[in-house]
Amino acid sequence: MKTIFSWILNSAALILLAYYLPGVSISGFGRALIVILVLGLVNALIRPVVLLLTLPINLVTLGLFTFVINALMFWLVGWLVEGFYVAGFLPAFWGALAMTIIGWFINIVLNK
């Protein structure tokens, strides 16, 4: 039940993010549910491989390159899902950062 509630809250957060962040747009709540699902799959399947391949860069930058990888994953989902648009790297960077913080907060609230 927590997973479904988290999914819905993250989708609502994505809609609010698209409303306030220029360069990110989404067509509706149903599309936001799909985007969060695809984002979770991308982060579970593709992100670990990319993190492993970029490990030397990540070590040199003391882990800061992970922010770039998160932005690229967010941008990839914008490219994969019709109805979700990310205009470029900077909107992807800020969108990924905001979704990470919001998701972290949602997980803290739901696990209490």
PDB file of N, CA and C in Angstrom:
ATOM      1  N   MET A   1       0.812  -1.192   0.000  1.00  0.00           N
ATOM      2  CA  MET A   1       0.000   0.000   0.000  1.00  0.00           C
ATOM      3  C   MET A   1       0.863   1.267   0.000  1.00  0.00           C
ATOM      4  N   LYS A   2       1.987   1.214   0.754  1.00  0.00           N
ATOM      5  CA  LYS A   2       2.882   2.364   0.784  1.00  0.00           C
ATOM      6  C   LYS A   2       3.461   2.650  -0.596  1.00  0.00           C
ATOM      7  N   THR A   3       3.726   1.601  -1.350  1.00  0.00           N
ATOM      8  CA  THR A   3       4.302   1.769  -2.685  1.00  0.00           C
ATOM      9  C   THR A   3       3.340   2.509  -3.606  1.00  0.00           C
ATOM     10  N   ILE A   4       2.083   2.135  -3.569  1.00  0.00           N
ATOM     11  CA  ILE A   4       1.079   2.792  -4.416  1.00  0.00           C
ATOM     12  C   ILE A   4       0.891   4.246  -3.990  1.00  0.00           C
ATOM     13  N   PHE A   5       0.846   4.469  -2.678  1.00  0.00           N
ATOM     14  CA  PHE A   5       0.684   5.834  -2.180  1.00  0.00           C
ATOM     15  C   PHE A   5       1.897   6.686  -2.550  1.00  0.00           C
ATOM     16  N   SER A   6       3.095   6.107  -2.461  1.00  0.00           N
ATOM     17  CA  SER A   6       4.312   6.811  -2.853  1.00  0.00           C
ATOM     18  C   SER A   6       4.298   7.128  -4.341  1.00  0.00           C
ATOM     19  N   TRP A   7       3.834   6.183  -5.146  1.00  0.00           N
ATOM     20  CA  TRP A   7       3.736   6.373  -6.591  1.00  0.00           C
ATOM     21  C   TRP A   7       2.809   7.544  -6.914  1.00  0.00           C
ATOM     22  N   ILE A   8       1.673   7.605  -6.247  1.00  0.00           N
ATOM     23  CA  ILE A   8       0.704   8.677  -6.484  1.00  0.00           C
ATOM     24  C   ILE A   8       1.268  10.024  -6.028  1.00  0.00           C
ATOM     25  N   LEU A   9       1.913  10.048  -4.855  1.00  0.00           N
ATOM     26  CA  LEU A   9       2.478  11.307  -4.367  1.00  0.00           C
ATOM     27  C   LEU A   9       3.617  11.801  -5.256  1.00  0.00           C
ATOM     28  N   ASN A  10       4.452  10.902  -5.731  1.00  0.00           N
ATOM     29  CA  ASN A  10       5.526  11.299  -6.647  1.00  0.00           C
ATOM     30  C   ASN A  10       4.965  11.809  -7.968  1.00  0.00           C
ATOM     31  N   SER A  11       3.872  11.227  -8.426  1.00  0.00           N
ATOM     32  CA  SER A  11       3.231  11.701  -9.660  1.00  0.00           C
ATOM     33  C   SER A  11       2.669  13.100  -9.473  1.00  0.00           C
ATOM     34  N   ALA A  12       2.043  13.329  -8.327  1.00  0.00           N
ATOM     35  CA  ALA A  12       1.526  14.673  -8.033  1.00  0.00           C
ATOM     36  C   ALA A  12       2.679  15.675  -7.927  1.00  0.00           C
ATOM     37  N   ALA A  13       3.777  15.247  -7.319  1.00  0.00           N
ATOM     38  CA  ALA A  13       4.943  16.125  -7.214  1.00  0.00           C
ATOM     39  C   ALA A  13       5.512  16.448  -8.594  1.00  0.00           C
ATOM     40  N   LEU A  14       5.500  15.480  -9.494  1.00  0.00           N
ATOM     41  CA  LEU A  14       5.994  15.719 -10.851  1.00  0.00           C
ATOM     42  C   LEU A  14       5.121  16.735 -11.576  1.00  0.00           C
ATOM     43  N   ILE A  15       3.817  16.662 -11.373  1.00  0.00           N
ATOM     44  CA  ILE A  15       2.923  17.644 -11.999  1.00  0.00           C
ATOM     45  C   ILE A  15       3.209  19.044 -11.464  1.00  0.00           C
ATOM     46  N   LEU A  16       3.394  19.158 -10.150  1.00  0.00           N
ATOM     47  CA  LEU A  16       3.734  20.462  -9.571  1.00  0.00           C
ATOM     48  C   LEU A  16       5.092  20.950 -10.073  1.00  0.00           C
ATOM     49  N   LEU A  17       6.026  20.040 -10.198  1.00  0.00           N
ATOM     50  CA  LEU A  17       7.346  20.392 -10.708  1.00  0.00           C
ATOM     51  C   LEU A  17       7.243  20.917 -12.142  1.00  0.00           C
ATOM     52  N   ALA A  18       6.450  20.252 -12.960  1.00  0.00           N
ATOM     53  CA  ALA A  18       6.281  20.685 -14.353  1.00  0.00           C
ATOM     54  C   ALA A  18       5.584  22.042 -14.423  1.00  0.00           C
ATOM     55  N   TYR A  19       4.747  22.320 -13.447  1.00  0.00           N
ATOM     56  CA  TYR A  19       4.056  23.611 -13.411  1.00  0.00           C
ATOM     57  C   TYR A  19       5.021  24.745 -13.070  1.00  0.00           C
ATOM     58  N   TYR A  20       5.957  24.493 -12.142  1.00  0.00           N
ATOM     59  CA  TYR A  20       6.842  25.552 -11.667  1.00  0.00           C
ATOM     60  C   TYR A  20       8.189  25.620 -12.374  1.00  0.00           C
ATOM     61  N   LEU A  21       8.628  24.539 -12.977  1.00  0.00           N
ATOM     62  CA  LEU A  21       9.953  24.517 -13.598  1.00  0.00           C
ATOM     63  C   LEU A  21       9.831  24.721 -15.106  1.00  0.00           C
ATOM     64  N   PRO A  22      10.351  25.829 -15.613  1.00  0.00           N
ATOM     65  CA  PRO A  22      10.299  26.027 -17.060  1.00  0.00           C
ATOM     66  C   PRO A  22      11.169  24.991 -17.773  1.00  0.00           C
ATOM     67  N   GLY A  23      10.668  24.489 -18.873  1.00  0.00           N
ATOM     68  CA  GLY A  23      11.408  23.502 -19.645  1.00  0.00           C
ATOM     69  C   GLY A  23      10.958  22.082 -19.396  1.00  0.00           C
ATOM     70  N   VAL A  24      10.090  21.872 -18.406  1.00  0.00           N
ATOM     71  CA  VAL A  24       9.530  20.555 -18.123  1.00  0.00           C
ATOM     72  C   VAL A  24       8.021  20.665 -18.246  1.00  0.00           C
ATOM     73  N   SER A  25       7.431  19.794 -19.060  1.00  0.00           N
ATOM     74  CA  SER A  25       5.973  19.816 -19.211  1.00  0.00           C
ATOM     75  C   SER A  25       5.442  18.388 -19.252  1.00  0.00           C
ATOM     76  N   ILE A  26       4.206  18.245 -18.789  1.00  0.00           N
ATOM     77  CA  ILE A  26       3.563  16.939 -18.754  1.00  0.00           C
ATOM     78  C   ILE A  26       2.099  17.137 -19.104  1.00  0.00           C
ATOM     79  N   SER A  27       1.520  16.145 -19.764  1.00  0.00           N
ATOM     80  CA  SER A  27       0.172  16.325 -20.294  1.00  0.00           C
ATOM     81  C   SER A  27      -0.947  16.019 -19.303  1.00  0.00           C
ATOM     82  N   GLY A  28      -0.690  15.324 -18.214  1.00  0.00           N
ATOM     83  CA  GLY A  28      -1.754  15.051 -17.258  1.00  0.00           C
ATOM     84  C   GLY A  28      -1.319  14.078 -16.174  1.00  0.00           C
ATOM     85  N   PHE A  29      -2.243  13.801 -15.255  1.00  0.00           N
ATOM     86  CA  PHE A  29      -1.909  12.953 -14.119  1.00  0.00           C
ATOM     87  C   PHE A  29      -1.661  11.506 -14.542  1.00  0.00           C
ATOM     88  N   GLY A  30      -2.426  11.007 -15.485  1.00  0.00           N
ATOM     89  CA  GLY A  30      -2.199   9.649 -15.979  1.00  0.00           C
ATOM     90  C   GLY A  30      -0.828   9.503 -16.604  1.00  0.00           C
ATOM     91  N   ARG A  31      -0.416  10.519 -17.327  1.00  0.00           N
ATOM     92  CA  ARG A  31       0.914  10.510 -17.931  1.00  0.00           C
ATOM     93  C   ARG A  31       1.982  10.597 -16.841  1.00  0.00           C
ATOM     94  N   ALA A  32       1.702  11.356 -15.767  1.00  0.00           N
ATOM     95  CA  ALA A  32       2.661  11.458 -14.663  1.00  0.00           C
ATOM     96  C   ALA A  32       2.851  10.104 -13.982  1.00  0.00           C
ATOM     97  N   LEU A  33       1.785   9.326 -13.861  1.00  0.00           N
ATOM     98  CA  LEU A  33       1.914   7.979 -13.293  1.00  0.00           C
ATOM     99  C   LEU A  33       2.836   7.114 -14.145  1.00  0.00           C
ATOM    100  N   ILE A  34       2.670   7.220 -15.461  1.00  0.00           N
ATOM    101  CA  ILE A  34       3.522   6.450 -16.378  1.00  0.00           C
ATOM    102  C   ILE A  34       4.968   6.928 -16.303  1.00  0.00           C
ATOM    103  N   VAL A  35       5.170   8.241 -16.221  1.00  0.00           N
ATOM    104  CA  VAL A  35       6.519   8.800 -16.156  1.00  0.00           C
ATOM    105  C   VAL A  35       7.236   8.328 -14.895  1.00  0.00           C
ATOM    106  N   ILE A  36       6.552   8.335 -13.764  1.00  0.00           N
ATOM    107  CA  ILE A  36       7.175   7.885 -12.515  1.00  0.00           C
ATOM    108  C   ILE A  36       7.507   6.399 -12.597  1.00  0.00           C
ATOM    109  N   LEU A  37       6.643   5.618 -13.215  1.00  0.00           N
ATOM    110  CA  LEU A  37       6.916   4.193 -13.389  1.00  0.00           C
ATOM    111  C   LEU A  37       8.148   3.974 -14.279  1.00  0.00           C
ATOM    112  N   VAL A  38       8.209   4.677 -15.405  1.00  0.00           N
ATOM    113  CA  VAL A  38       9.353   4.543 -16.321  1.00  0.00           C
ATOM    114  C   VAL A  38      10.623   5.079 -15.665  1.00  0.00           C
ATOM    115  N   LEU A  39      10.516   6.168 -14.919  1.00  0.00           N
ATOM    116  CA  LEU A  39      11.678   6.713 -14.221  1.00  0.00           C
ATOM    117  C   LEU A  39      12.217   5.708 -13.200  1.00  0.00           C
ATOM    118  N   GLY A  40      11.328   5.040 -12.506  1.00  0.00           N
ATOM    119  CA  GLY A  40      11.757   4.004 -11.570  1.00  0.00           C
ATOM    120  C   GLY A  40      12.449   2.849 -12.278  1.00  0.00           C
ATOM    121  N   LEU A  41      11.910   2.437 -13.425  1.00  0.00           N
ATOM    122  CA  LEU A  41      12.537   1.356 -14.192  1.00  0.00           C
ATOM    123  C   LEU A  41      13.903   1.764 -14.742  1.00  0.00           C
ATOM    124  N   VAL A  42      13.995   2.987 -15.246  1.00  0.00           N
ATOM    125  CA  VAL A  42      15.270   3.483 -15.771  1.00  0.00           C
ATOM    126  C   VAL A  42      16.302   3.561 -14.644  1.00  0.00           C
ATOM    127  N   ASN A  43      15.875   4.054 -13.479  1.00  0.00           N
ATOM    128  CA  ASN A  43      16.799   4.152 -12.356  1.00  0.00           C
ATOM    129  C   ASN A  43      17.194   2.785 -11.811  1.00  0.00           C
ATOM    130  N   ALA A  44      16.354   1.789 -11.983  1.00  0.00           N
ATOM    131  CA  ALA A  44      16.673   0.451 -11.490  1.00  0.00           C
ATOM    132  C   ALA A  44      17.498  -0.360 -12.487  1.00  0.00           C
ATOM    133  N   LEU A  45      17.316  -0.131 -13.779  1.00  0.00           N
ATOM    134  CA  LEU A  45      17.956  -0.966 -14.787  1.00  0.00           C
ATOM    135  C   LEU A  45      19.137  -0.306 -15.497  1.00  0.00           C
ATOM    136  N   ILE A  46      18.989   0.934 -15.906  1.00  0.00           N
ATOM    137  CA  ILE A  46      20.013   1.593 -16.715  1.00  0.00           C
ATOM    138  C   ILE A  46      21.006   2.364 -15.851  1.00  0.00           C
ATOM    139  N   ARG A  47      20.518   3.060 -14.833  1.00  0.00           N
ATOM    140  CA  ARG A  47      21.384   3.904 -14.003  1.00  0.00           C
ATOM    141  C   ARG A  47      22.544   3.146 -13.368  1.00  0.00           C
ATOM    142  N   PRO A  48      22.355   1.935 -12.814  1.00  0.00           N
ATOM    143  CA  PRO A  48      23.514   1.233 -12.230  1.00  0.00           C
ATOM    144  C   PRO A  48      24.612   0.925 -13.247  1.00  0.00           C
ATOM    145  N   VAL A  49      24.222   0.595 -14.464  1.00  0.00           N
ATOM    146  CA  VAL A  49      25.213   0.320 -15.509  1.00  0.00           C
ATOM    147  C   VAL A  49      25.984   1.590 -15.849  1.00  0.00           C
ATOM    148  N   VAL A  50      25.265   2.699 -15.984  1.00  0.00           N
ATOM    149  CA  VAL A  50      25.918   3.972 -16.296  1.00  0.00           C
ATOM    150  C   VAL A  50      26.826   4.397 -15.146  1.00  0.00           C
ATOM    151  N   LEU A  51      26.372   4.202 -13.901  1.00  0.00           N
ATOM    152  CA  LEU A  51      27.217   4.530 -12.761  1.00  0.00           C
ATOM    153  C   LEU A  51      28.499   3.699 -12.754  1.00  0.00           C
ATOM    154  N   LEU A  52      28.381   2.437 -13.094  1.00  0.00           N
ATOM    155  CA  LEU A  52      29.561   1.574 -13.136  1.00  0.00           C
ATOM    156  C   LEU A  52      30.527   2.002 -14.246  1.00  0.00           C
ATOM    157  N   LEU A  53      29.985   2.347 -15.408  1.00  0.00           N
ATOM    158  CA  LEU A  53      30.830   2.764 -16.528  1.00  0.00           C
ATOM    159  C   LEU A  53      31.513   4.110 -16.280  1.00  0.00           C
ATOM    160  N   THR A  54      30.885   4.953 -15.488  1.00  0.00           N
ATOM    161  CA  THR A  54      31.450   6.283 -15.223  1.00  0.00           C
ATOM    162  C   THR A  54      32.114   6.356 -13.852  1.00  0.00           C
ATOM    163  N   LEU A  55      32.432   5.217 -13.274  1.00  0.00           N
ATOM    164  CA  LEU A  55      33.038   5.185 -11.951  1.00  0.00           C
ATOM    165  C   LEU A  55      34.337   6.000 -11.859  1.00  0.00           C
ATOM    166  N   PRO A  56      35.229   5.935 -12.837  1.00  0.00           N
ATOM    167  CA  PRO A  56      36.442   6.770 -12.719  1.00  0.00           C
ATOM    168  C   PRO A  56      36.138   8.270 -12.660  1.00  0.00           C
ATOM    169  N   ILE A  57      35.209   8.727 -13.491  1.00  0.00           N
ATOM    170  CA  ILE A  57      34.830  10.150 -13.464  1.00  0.00           C
ATOM    171  C   ILE A  57      34.174  10.483 -12.135  1.00  0.00           C
ATOM    172  N   ASN A  58      33.347   9.583 -11.651  1.00  0.00           N
ATOM    173  CA  ASN A  58      32.671   9.796 -10.377  1.00  0.00           C
ATOM    174  C   ASN A  58      33.666   9.878  -9.228  1.00  0.00           C
ATOM    175  N   LEU A  59      34.693   9.062  -9.264  1.00  0.00           N
ATOM    176  CA  LEU A  59      35.712   9.109  -8.206  1.00  0.00           C
ATOM    177  C   LEU A  59      36.506  10.412  -8.254  1.00  0.00           C
ATOM    178  N   VAL A  60      36.842  10.853  -9.445  1.00  0.00           N
ATOM    179  CA  VAL A  60      37.609  12.095  -9.593  1.00  0.00           C
ATOM    180  C   VAL A  60      36.783  13.298  -9.123  1.00  0.00           C
ATOM    181  N   THR A  61      35.494  13.286  -9.394  1.00  0.00           N
ATOM    182  CA  THR A  61      34.633  14.413  -9.008  1.00  0.00           C
ATOM    183  C   THR A  61      34.025  14.235  -7.616  1.00  0.00           C
ATOM    184  N   LEU A  62      34.477  13.220  -6.904  1.00  0.00           N
ATOM    185  CA  LEU A  62      33.998  12.944  -5.543  1.00  0.00           C
ATOM    186  C   LEU A  62      32.486  12.707  -5.488  1.00  0.00           C
ATOM    187  N   GLY A  63      31.973  12.083  -6.523  1.00  0.00           N
ATOM    188  CA  GLY A  63      30.566  11.712  -6.559  1.00  0.00           C
ATOM    189  C   GLY A  63      29.634  12.745  -7.154  1.00  0.00           C
ATOM    190  N   LEU A  64      30.148  13.917  -7.481  1.00  0.00           N
ATOM    191  CA  LEU A  64      29.288  14.966  -8.030  1.00  0.00           C
ATOM    192  C   LEU A  64      28.789  14.643  -9.432  1.00  0.00           C
ATOM    193  N   PHE A  65      29.487  13.785 -10.142  1.00  0.00           N
ATOM    194  CA  PHE A  65      29.044  13.398 -11.484  1.00  0.00           C
ATOM    195  C   PHE A  65      27.727  12.618 -11.429  1.00  0.00           C
ATOM    196  N   THR A  66      27.378  12.107 -10.260  1.00  0.00           N
ATOM    197  CA  THR A  66      26.101  11.412 -10.088  1.00  0.00           C
ATOM    198  C   THR A  66      24.929  12.346 -10.384  1.00  0.00           C
ATOM    199  N   PHE A  67      25.083  13.635 -10.073  1.00  0.00           N
ATOM    200  CA  PHE A  67      24.035  14.595 -10.401  1.00  0.00           C
ATOM    201  C   PHE A  67      23.822  14.673 -11.907  1.00  0.00           C
ATOM    202  N   VAL A  68      24.906  14.614 -12.661  1.00  0.00           N
ATOM    203  CA  VAL A  68      24.821  14.631 -14.122  1.00  0.00           C
ATOM    204  C   VAL A  68      24.115  13.365 -14.616  1.00  0.00           C
ATOM    205  N   ILE A  69      24.444  12.232 -14.036  1.00  0.00           N
ATOM    206  CA  ILE A  69      23.811  10.976 -14.433  1.00  0.00           C
ATOM    207  C   ILE A  69      22.316  11.011 -14.119  1.00  0.00           C
ATOM    208  N   ASN A  70      21.947  11.525 -12.946  1.00  0.00           N
ATOM    209  CA  ASN A  70      20.524  11.653 -12.608  1.00  0.00           C
ATOM    210  C   ASN A  70      19.796  12.545 -13.610  1.00  0.00           C
ATOM    211  N   ALA A  71      20.434  13.637 -14.003  1.00  0.00           N
ATOM    212  CA  ALA A  71      19.820  14.533 -14.986  1.00  0.00           C
ATOM    213  C   ALA A  71      19.659  13.829 -16.329  1.00  0.00           C
ATOM    214  N   LEU A  72      20.664  13.063 -16.722  1.00  0.00           N
ATOM    215  CA  LEU A  72      20.570  12.348 -18.003  1.00  0.00           C
ATOM    216  C   LEU A  72      19.473  11.283 -17.967  1.00  0.00           C
ATOM    217  N   MET A  73      19.267  10.634 -16.839  1.00  0.00           N
ATOM    218  CA  MET A  73      18.192   9.642 -16.713  1.00  0.00           C
ATOM    219  C   MET A  73      16.825  10.327 -16.794  1.00  0.00           C
ATOM    220  N   PHE A  74      16.707  11.482 -16.153  1.00  0.00           N
ATOM    221  CA  PHE A  74      15.455  12.258 -16.202  1.00  0.00           C
ATOM    222  C   PHE A  74      15.186  12.703 -17.638  1.00  0.00           C
ATOM    223  N   TRP A  75      16.217  13.153 -18.315  1.00  0.00           N
ATOM    224  CA  TRP A  75      16.106  13.590 -19.707  1.00  0.00           C
ATOM    225  C   TRP A  75      15.759  12.417 -20.613  1.00  0.00           C
ATOM    226  N   LEU A  76      16.328  11.248 -20.351  1.00  0.00           N
ATOM    227  CA  LEU A  76      16.018  10.046 -21.117  1.00  0.00           C
ATOM    228  C   LEU A  76      14.541   9.680 -20.997  1.00  0.00           C
ATOM    229  N   VAL A  77      13.995   9.787 -19.805  1.00  0.00           N
ATOM    230  CA  VAL A  77      12.564   9.490 -19.615  1.00  0.00           C
ATOM    231  C   VAL A  77      11.724  10.500 -20.389  1.00  0.00           C
ATOM    232  N   GLY A  78      12.154  11.752 -20.425  1.00  0.00           N
ATOM    233  CA  GLY A  78      11.459  12.753 -21.229  1.00  0.00           C
ATOM    234  C   GLY A  78      11.475  12.417 -22.708  1.00  0.00           C
ATOM    235  N   TRP A  79      12.523  11.746 -23.134  1.00  0.00           N
ATOM    236  CA  TRP A  79      12.625  11.332 -24.538  1.00  0.00           C
ATOM    237  C   TRP A  79      11.806  10.068 -24.796  1.00  0.00           C
ATOM    238  N   LEU A  80      11.707   9.184 -23.816  1.00  0.00           N
ATOM    239  CA  LEU A  80      11.014   7.908 -23.998  1.00  0.00           C
ATOM    240  C   LEU A  80       9.495   8.005 -23.899  1.00  0.00           C
ATOM    241  N   VAL A  81       8.998   8.839 -23.009  1.00  0.00           N
ATOM    242  CA  VAL A  81       7.564   8.882 -22.725  1.00  0.00           C
ATOM    243  C   VAL A  81       6.916  10.045 -23.463  1.00  0.00           C
ATOM    244  N   GLU A  82       5.958   9.710 -24.297  1.00  0.00           N
ATOM    245  CA  GLU A  82       5.222  10.744 -25.024  1.00  0.00           C
ATOM    246  C   GLU A  82       4.296  11.465 -24.048  1.00  0.00           C
ATOM    247  N   GLY A  83       4.255  12.780 -24.138  1.00  0.00           N
ATOM    248  CA  GLY A  83       3.435  13.574 -23.232  1.00  0.00           C
ATOM    249  C   GLY A  83       4.232  14.138 -22.070  1.00  0.00           C
ATOM    250  N   PHE A  84       5.499  13.770 -21.985  1.00  0.00           N
ATOM    251  CA  PHE A  84       6.410  14.318 -20.974  1.00  0.00           C
ATOM    252  C   PHE A  84       7.593  14.893 -21.721  1.00  0.00           C
ATOM    253  N   TYR A  85       7.836  16.181 -21.542  1.00  0.00           N
ATOM    254  CA  TYR A  85       8.865  16.863 -22.319  1.00  0.00           C
ATOM    255  C   TYR A  85       9.845  17.559 -21.379  1.00  0.00           C
ATOM    256  N   VAL A  86      11.127  17.345 -21.628  1.00  0.00           N
ATOM    257  CA  VAL A  86      12.204  18.039 -20.918  1.00  0.00           C
ATOM    258  C   VAL A  86      13.014  18.775 -21.981  1.00  0.00           C
ATOM    259  N   ALA A  87      13.103  20.101 -21.845  1.00  0.00           N
ATOM    260  CA  ALA A  87      13.660  20.942 -22.907  1.00  0.00           C
ATOM    261  C   ALA A  87      15.164  20.829 -23.082  1.00  0.00           C
ATOM    262  N   GLY A  88      15.893  20.472 -22.056  1.00  0.00           N
ATOM    263  CA  GLY A  88      17.341  20.407 -22.192  1.00  0.00           C
ATOM    264  C   GLY A  88      17.987  19.905 -20.923  1.00  0.00           C
ATOM    265  N   PHE A  89      19.319  20.082 -20.862  1.00  0.00           N
ATOM    266  CA  PHE A  89      20.041  19.539 -19.726  1.00  0.00           C
ATOM    267  C   PHE A  89      19.728  20.267 -18.426  1.00  0.00           C
ATOM    268  N   LEU A  90      19.698  21.599 -18.452  1.00  0.00           N
ATOM    269  CA  LEU A  90      19.442  22.330 -17.204  1.00  0.00           C
ATOM    270  C   LEU A  90      18.064  22.042 -16.614  1.00  0.00           C
ATOM    271  N   PRO A  91      16.990  22.046 -17.410  1.00  0.00           N
ATOM    272  CA  PRO A  91      15.706  21.633 -16.816  1.00  0.00           C
ATOM    273  C   PRO A  91      15.746  20.187 -16.309  1.00  0.00           C
ATOM    274  N   ALA A  92      16.475  19.320 -17.002  1.00  0.00           N
ATOM    275  CA  ALA A  92      16.606  17.933 -16.543  1.00  0.00           C
ATOM    276  C   ALA A  92      17.376  17.879 -15.227  1.00  0.00           C
ATOM    277  N   PHE A  93      18.430  18.681 -15.111  1.00  0.00           N
ATOM    278  CA  PHE A  93      19.219  18.708 -13.889  1.00  0.00           C
ATOM    279  C   PHE A  93      18.378  19.162 -12.704  1.00  0.00           C
ATOM    280  N   TRP A  94      17.693  20.294 -12.865  1.00  0.00           N
ATOM    281  CA  TRP A  94      16.882  20.817 -11.757  1.00  0.00           C
ATOM    282  C   TRP A  94      15.681  19.933 -11.476  1.00  0.00           C
ATOM    283  N   GLY A  95      15.110  19.350 -12.515  1.00  0.00           N
ATOM    284  CA  GLY A  95      13.988  18.432 -12.316  1.00  0.00           C
ATOM    285  C   GLY A  95      14.396  17.168 -11.589  1.00  0.00           C
ATOM    286  N   ALA A  96      15.541  16.609 -11.967  1.00  0.00           N
ATOM    287  CA  ALA A  96      16.028  15.406 -11.291  1.00  0.00           C
ATOM    288  C   ALA A  96      16.391  15.706  -9.846  1.00  0.00           C
ATOM    289  N   LEU A  97      17.015  16.843  -9.608  1.00  0.00           N
ATOM    290  CA  LEU A  97      17.371  17.220  -8.245  1.00  0.00           C
ATOM    291  C   LEU A  97      16.121  17.413  -7.386  1.00  0.00           C
ATOM    292  N   ALA A  98      15.139  18.101  -7.930  1.00  0.00           N
ATOM    293  CA  ALA A  98      13.896  18.324  -7.187  1.00  0.00           C
ATOM    294  C   ALA A  98      13.156  17.015  -6.932  1.00  0.00           C
ATOM    295  N   MET A  99      13.087  16.145  -7.935  1.00  0.00           N
ATOM    296  CA  MET A  99      12.394  14.861  -7.741  1.00  0.00           C
ATOM    297  C   MET A  99      13.132  13.978  -6.742  1.00  0.00           C
ATOM    298  N   THR A 100      14.446  14.060  -6.699  1.00  0.00           N
ATOM    299  CA  THR A 100      15.206  13.304  -5.710  1.00  0.00           C
ATOM    300  C   THR A 100      14.887  13.782  -4.302  1.00  0.00           C
ATOM    301  N   ILE A 101      14.874  15.084  -4.109  1.00  0.00           N
ATOM    302  CA  ILE A 101      14.580  15.643  -2.785  1.00  0.00           C
ATOM    303  C   ILE A 101      13.143  15.352  -2.384  1.00  0.00           C
ATOM    304  N   ILE A 102      12.213  15.528  -3.304  1.00  0.00           N
ATOM    305  CA  ILE A 102      10.803  15.266  -3.006  1.00  0.00           C
ATOM    306  C   ILE A 102      10.576  13.789  -2.719  1.00  0.00           C
ATOM    307  N   GLY A 103      11.177  12.916  -3.520  1.00  0.00           N
ATOM    308  CA  GLY A 103      11.046  11.478  -3.289  1.00  0.00           C
ATOM    309  C   GLY A 103      11.635  11.055  -1.957  1.00  0.00           C
ATOM    310  N   TRP A 104      12.765  11.640  -1.602  1.00  0.00           N
ATOM    311  CA  TRP A 104      13.388  11.368  -0.308  1.00  0.00           C
ATOM    312  C   TRP A 104      12.462  11.779   0.830  1.00  0.00           C
ATOM    313  N   PHE A 105      11.862  12.959   0.714  1.00  0.00           N
ATOM    314  CA  PHE A 105      10.942  13.448   1.738  1.00  0.00           C
ATOM    315  C   PHE A 105       9.702  12.569   1.829  1.00  0.00           C
ATOM    316  N   ILE A 106       9.155  12.165   0.690  1.00  0.00           N
ATOM    317  CA  ILE A 106       7.976  11.292   0.683  1.00  0.00           C
ATOM    318  C   ILE A 106       8.293   9.960   1.358  1.00  0.00           C
ATOM    319  N   ASN A 107       9.463   9.396   1.073  1.00  0.00           N
ATOM    320  CA  ASN A 107       9.853   8.130   1.711  1.00  0.00           C
ATOM    321  C   ASN A 107      10.015   8.292   3.213  1.00  0.00           C
ATOM    322  N   ILE A 108      10.557   9.399   3.670  1.00  0.00           N
ATOM    323  CA  ILE A 108      10.691   9.633   5.112  1.00  0.00           C
ATOM    324  C   ILE A 108       9.316   9.704   5.766  1.00  0.00           C
ATOM    325  N   VAL A 109       8.396  10.446   5.151  1.00  0.00           N
ATOM    326  CA  VAL A 109       7.060  10.609   5.722  1.00  0.00           C
ATOM    327  C   VAL A 109       6.308   9.282   5.735  1.00  0.00           C
ATOM    328  N   LEU A 110       6.400   8.514   4.677  1.00  0.00           N
ATOM    329  CA  LEU A 110       5.652   7.258   4.599  1.00  0.00           C
ATOM    330  C   LEU A 110       6.233   6.161   5.479  1.00  0.00           C
ATOM    331  N   ASN A 111       7.508   6.229   5.797  1.00  0.00           N
ATOM    332  CA  ASN A 111       8.110   5.183   6.614  1.00  0.00           C
ATOM    333  C   ASN A 111       7.992   5.443   8.108  1.00  0.00           C
ATOM    334  N   LYS A 112       7.368   6.517   8.509  1.00  0.00           N
ATOM    335  CA  LYS A 112       7.163   6.780   9.941  1.00  0.00           C
ATOM    336  C   LYS A 112       5.909   6.128  10.437  1.00  0.00           C
TER     337      LYS A 112
END
